[in-house]
């Protein structure tokens, strides 16, 4: 990490990959990540942590399933924040694309408990650092 201010716009402009979060900085044991998304992610859950979403640009729908399998969707516009509680199965999606800031414990895998049958556009990652100078 750096001792200088970090521009989130510059950080987002430094990569093109979608669904591949970049670690902007750390706060204690948490990563602050930025990510670009388009299309649908996979259904997954994080058994040990909540997941915080802040929409920086675009719109995002987060589909969630309750314990009985019933689904509902939370729609997030630019500037909105939402936290998916730990253990709740969810699937972010953005048909037109969006960018988000995520706040989660360092080492959290983006695909949570979903390890198999990932579509080609998604890979499991704990986030990548921004390249030097970004």
C-alpha atoms as a PDB file:
ATOM      1  CA  UNK A   1       0.000   0.000   0.000  1.00  0.00           C
ATOM      2  CA  UNK A   2       1.038   3.604  -0.272  1.00  0.00           C
ATOM      3  CA  UNK A   3       1.320   6.635   1.983  1.00  0.00           C
ATOM      4  CA  UNK A   4      -0.285   8.779  -0.750  1.00  0.00           C
ATOM      5  CA  UNK A   5      -3.929   9.438  -1.482  1.00  0.00           C
ATOM      6  CA  UNK A   6      -5.525   6.956  -3.848  1.00  0.00           C
ATOM      7  CA  UNK A   7      -7.929   8.007  -6.571  1.00  0.00           C
ATOM      8  CA  UNK A   8     -10.662   5.401  -6.981  1.00  0.00           C
ATOM      9  CA  UNK A   9     -11.261   6.673 -10.508  1.00  0.00           C
ATOM     10  CA  UNK A  10      -7.580   6.138 -11.351  1.00  0.00           C
ATOM     11  CA  UNK A  11      -7.639   2.708  -9.686  1.00  0.00           C
ATOM     12  CA  UNK A  12     -10.667   1.653 -11.751  1.00  0.00           C
ATOM     13  CA  UNK A  13      -9.121   3.006 -14.950  1.00  0.00           C
ATOM     14  CA  UNK A  14      -5.972   0.932 -14.355  1.00  0.00           C
ATOM     15  CA  UNK A  15      -7.601  -2.397 -15.277  1.00  0.00           C
ATOM     16  CA  UNK A  16     -10.283  -3.808 -17.569  1.00  0.00           C
ATOM     17  CA  UNK A  17     -11.040  -7.212 -16.031  1.00  0.00           C
ATOM     18  CA  UNK A  18     -14.589  -7.687 -14.819  1.00  0.00           C
ATOM     19  CA  UNK A  19     -15.434  -9.618 -11.657  1.00  0.00           C
ATOM     20  CA  UNK A  20     -11.766  -9.389 -10.617  1.00  0.00           C
ATOM     21  CA  UNK A  21     -11.461  -7.105  -7.574  1.00  0.00           C
ATOM     22  CA  UNK A  22      -8.359  -5.003  -6.955  1.00  0.00           C
ATOM     23  CA  UNK A  23      -7.175  -4.221  -3.439  1.00  0.00           C
ATOM     24  CA  UNK A  24      -6.918  -0.446  -3.103  1.00  0.00           C
ATOM     25  CA  UNK A  25      -5.862  -0.357   0.548  1.00  0.00           C
ATOM     26  CA  UNK A  26      -6.303  -2.168   3.837  1.00  0.00           C
ATOM     27  CA  UNK A  27      -7.992  -1.075   7.055  1.00  0.00           C
ATOM     28  CA  UNK A  28      -6.864  -3.246   9.958  1.00  0.00           C
ATOM     29  CA  UNK A  29      -7.675  -6.785   8.768  1.00  0.00           C
ATOM     30  CA  UNK A  30     -10.013  -5.653   5.979  1.00  0.00           C
ATOM     31  CA  UNK A  31      -9.456  -5.085   2.270  1.00  0.00           C
ATOM     32  CA  UNK A  32     -10.943  -2.108   0.494  1.00  0.00           C
ATOM     33  CA  UNK A  33     -11.440  -3.398  -3.043  1.00  0.00           C
ATOM     34  CA  UNK A  34     -12.743  -1.956  -6.287  1.00  0.00           C
ATOM     35  CA  UNK A  35     -14.317  -4.101  -8.971  1.00  0.00           C
ATOM     36  CA  UNK A  36     -15.913  -3.707 -12.371  1.00  0.00           C
ATOM     37  CA  UNK A  37     -18.872  -5.938 -13.133  1.00  0.00           C
ATOM     38  CA  UNK A  38     -21.077  -6.746 -16.097  1.00  0.00           C
ATOM     39  CA  UNK A  39     -23.619  -9.519 -16.475  1.00  0.00           C
ATOM     40  CA  UNK A  40     -24.268 -12.057 -13.730  1.00  0.00           C
ATOM     41  CA  UNK A  41     -22.037 -13.459 -11.014  1.00  0.00           C
ATOM     42  CA  UNK A  42     -22.702 -16.873  -9.426  1.00  0.00           C
ATOM     43  CA  UNK A  43     -24.909 -17.782  -6.502  1.00  0.00           C
ATOM     44  CA  UNK A  44     -22.669 -18.001  -3.451  1.00  0.00           C
ATOM     45  CA  UNK A  45     -22.476 -17.238   0.245  1.00  0.00           C
ATOM     46  CA  UNK A  46     -19.820 -16.165   2.730  1.00  0.00           C
ATOM     47  CA  UNK A  47     -20.266 -18.250   5.863  1.00  0.00           C
ATOM     48  CA  UNK A  48     -17.907 -16.212   8.060  1.00  0.00           C
ATOM     49  CA  UNK A  49     -18.440 -12.598   7.013  1.00  0.00           C
ATOM     50  CA  UNK A  50     -20.899  -9.986   5.821  1.00  0.00           C
ATOM     51  CA  UNK A  51     -20.225  -8.444   2.390  1.00  0.00           C
ATOM     52  CA  UNK A  52     -20.393  -4.664   1.948  1.00  0.00           C
ATOM     53  CA  UNK A  53     -21.192  -3.155  -1.478  1.00  0.00           C
ATOM     54  CA  UNK A  54     -20.966   0.534  -2.461  1.00  0.00           C
ATOM     55  CA  UNK A  55     -21.989   1.308  -6.048  1.00  0.00           C
ATOM     56  CA  UNK A  56     -19.594   3.876  -7.484  1.00  0.00           C
ATOM     57  CA  UNK A  57     -21.041   3.914 -10.994  1.00  0.00           C
ATOM     58  CA  UNK A  58     -23.976   2.210 -12.712  1.00  0.00           C
ATOM     59  CA  UNK A  59     -26.678   0.075 -11.155  1.00  0.00           C
ATOM     60  CA  UNK A  60     -26.485  -3.316  -9.469  1.00  0.00           C
ATOM     61  CA  UNK A  61     -29.112  -5.866  -8.517  1.00  0.00           C
ATOM     62  CA  UNK A  62     -28.292  -8.255  -5.712  1.00  0.00           C
ATOM     63  CA  UNK A  63     -30.529 -11.314  -5.762  1.00  0.00           C
ATOM     64  CA  UNK A  64     -30.749 -13.138  -2.424  1.00  0.00           C
ATOM     65  CA  UNK A  65     -32.259 -16.432  -1.304  1.00  0.00           C
ATOM     66  CA  UNK A  66     -33.661 -16.981   2.153  1.00  0.00           C
ATOM     67  CA  UNK A  67     -33.431 -20.281   4.037  1.00  0.00           C
ATOM     68  CA  UNK A  68     -36.659 -21.475   2.354  1.00  0.00           C
ATOM     69  CA  UNK A  69     -35.287 -20.781  -1.137  1.00  0.00           C
ATOM     70  CA  UNK A  70     -37.443 -17.714  -1.753  1.00  0.00           C
ATOM     71  CA  UNK A  71     -35.674 -15.056  -3.786  1.00  0.00           C
ATOM     72  CA  UNK A  72     -35.827 -11.290  -3.616  1.00  0.00           C
ATOM     73  CA  UNK A  73     -33.735  -8.579  -5.240  1.00  0.00           C
ATOM     74  CA  UNK A  74     -32.236  -5.396  -3.815  1.00  0.00           C
ATOM     75  CA  UNK A  75     -31.670  -2.738  -6.483  1.00  0.00           C
ATOM     76  CA  UNK A  76     -28.704  -0.419  -5.928  1.00  0.00           C
ATOM     77  CA  UNK A  77     -28.192   2.826  -7.819  1.00  0.00           C
ATOM     78  CA  UNK A  78     -24.999   4.865  -8.007  1.00  0.00           C
ATOM     79  CA  UNK A  79     -24.041   5.990  -4.497  1.00  0.00           C
ATOM     80  CA  UNK A  80     -26.043   3.247  -2.760  1.00  0.00           C
ATOM     81  CA  UNK A  81     -24.588   0.922  -0.151  1.00  0.00           C
ATOM     82  CA  UNK A  82     -25.830  -2.477   0.978  1.00  0.00           C
ATOM     83  CA  UNK A  83     -24.539  -5.240   3.222  1.00  0.00           C
ATOM     84  CA  UNK A  84     -25.366  -8.881   2.541  1.00  0.00           C
ATOM     85  CA  UNK A  85     -25.401 -10.636   5.919  1.00  0.00           C
ATOM     86  CA  UNK A  86     -23.058 -13.562   6.463  1.00  0.00           C
ATOM     87  CA  UNK A  87     -24.453 -16.883   5.316  1.00  0.00           C
ATOM     88  CA  UNK A  88     -27.032 -15.395   2.930  1.00  0.00           C
ATOM     89  CA  UNK A  89     -26.865 -16.834  -0.579  1.00  0.00           C
ATOM     90  CA  UNK A  90     -26.635 -14.016  -3.115  1.00  0.00           C
ATOM     91  CA  UNK A  91     -25.834 -13.189  -6.734  1.00  0.00           C
ATOM     92  CA  UNK A  92     -24.823  -9.682  -7.876  1.00  0.00           C
ATOM     93  CA  UNK A  93     -25.659  -8.689 -11.426  1.00  0.00           C
ATOM     94  CA  UNK A  94     -25.493  -5.651 -13.679  1.00  0.00           C
ATOM     95  CA  UNK A  95     -26.674  -6.012 -17.277  1.00  0.00           C
ATOM     96  CA  UNK A  96     -25.137  -2.674 -18.368  1.00  0.00           C
ATOM     97  CA  UNK A  97     -22.055  -2.735 -16.151  1.00  0.00           C
ATOM     98  CA  UNK A  98     -21.104  -1.037 -12.913  1.00  0.00           C
ATOM     99  CA  UNK A  99     -18.182  -0.366 -10.623  1.00  0.00           C
ATOM    100  CA  UNK A 100     -18.239  -0.975  -6.898  1.00  0.00           C
ATOM    101  CA  UNK A 101     -16.206  -0.589  -3.749  1.00  0.00           C
ATOM    102  CA  UNK A 102     -16.157  -3.665  -1.504  1.00  0.00           C
ATOM    103  CA  UNK A 103     -15.120  -3.851   2.133  1.00  0.00           C
ATOM    104  CA  UNK A 104     -14.397  -7.316   3.499  1.00  0.00           C
ATOM    105  CA  UNK A 105     -11.873  -9.245   5.600  1.00  0.00           C
ATOM    106  CA  UNK A 106      -8.514  -9.762   3.886  1.00  0.00           C
ATOM    107  CA  UNK A 107      -8.364 -13.170   2.262  1.00  0.00           C
ATOM    108  CA  UNK A 108     -12.105 -13.367   1.571  1.00  0.00           C
ATOM    109  CA  UNK A 109     -12.688 -15.280  -1.663  1.00  0.00           C
ATOM    110  CA  UNK A 110     -15.028 -13.449  -4.047  1.00  0.00           C
ATOM    111  CA  UNK A 111     -16.925 -16.653  -4.924  1.00  0.00           C
ATOM    112  CA  UNK A 112     -17.468 -17.595  -1.270  1.00  0.00           C
ATOM    113  CA  UNK A 113     -18.500 -21.224  -0.950  1.00  0.00           C
ATOM    114  CA  UNK A 114     -18.934 -21.710  -4.724  1.00  0.00           C
ATOM    115  CA  UNK A 115     -15.859 -23.598  -5.867  1.00  0.00           C
ATOM    116  CA  UNK A 116     -17.209 -25.593  -8.778  1.00  0.00           C
ATOM    117  CA  UNK A 117     -19.028 -24.900 -12.021  1.00  0.00           C
ATOM    118  CA  UNK A 118     -17.821 -21.338 -12.382  1.00  0.00           C
ATOM    119  CA  UNK A 119     -18.612 -19.760 -15.762  1.00  0.00           C
ATOM    120  CA  UNK A 120     -15.627 -18.786 -17.911  1.00  0.00           C
ATOM    121  CA  UNK A 121     -15.952 -15.063 -17.096  1.00  0.00           C
ATOM    122  CA  UNK A 122     -15.518 -15.631 -13.339  1.00  0.00           C
ATOM    123  CA  UNK A 123     -12.549 -16.875 -11.361  1.00  0.00           C
ATOM    124  CA  UNK A 124     -12.119 -17.252  -7.625  1.00  0.00           C
ATOM    125  CA  UNK A 125      -9.783 -14.662  -6.128  1.00  0.00           C
ATOM    126  CA  UNK A 126      -8.995 -12.962  -2.847  1.00  0.00           C
ATOM    127  CA  UNK A 127      -8.345  -9.764  -4.819  1.00  0.00           C
ATOM    128  CA  UNK A 128      -5.279  -8.549  -6.624  1.00  0.00           C
ATOM    129  CA  UNK A 129      -3.159  -5.605  -5.585  1.00  0.00           C
ATOM    130  CA  UNK A 130      -3.153  -2.594  -7.840  1.00  0.00           C
ATOM    131  CA  UNK A 131      -0.023  -2.531 -10.017  1.00  0.00           C
ATOM    132  CA  UNK A 132       2.818  -0.280  -8.837  1.00  0.00           C
ATOM    133  CA  UNK A 133       2.102   3.366  -9.456  1.00  0.00           C
ATOM    134  CA  UNK A 134      -1.668   2.908  -9.591  1.00  0.00           C
END
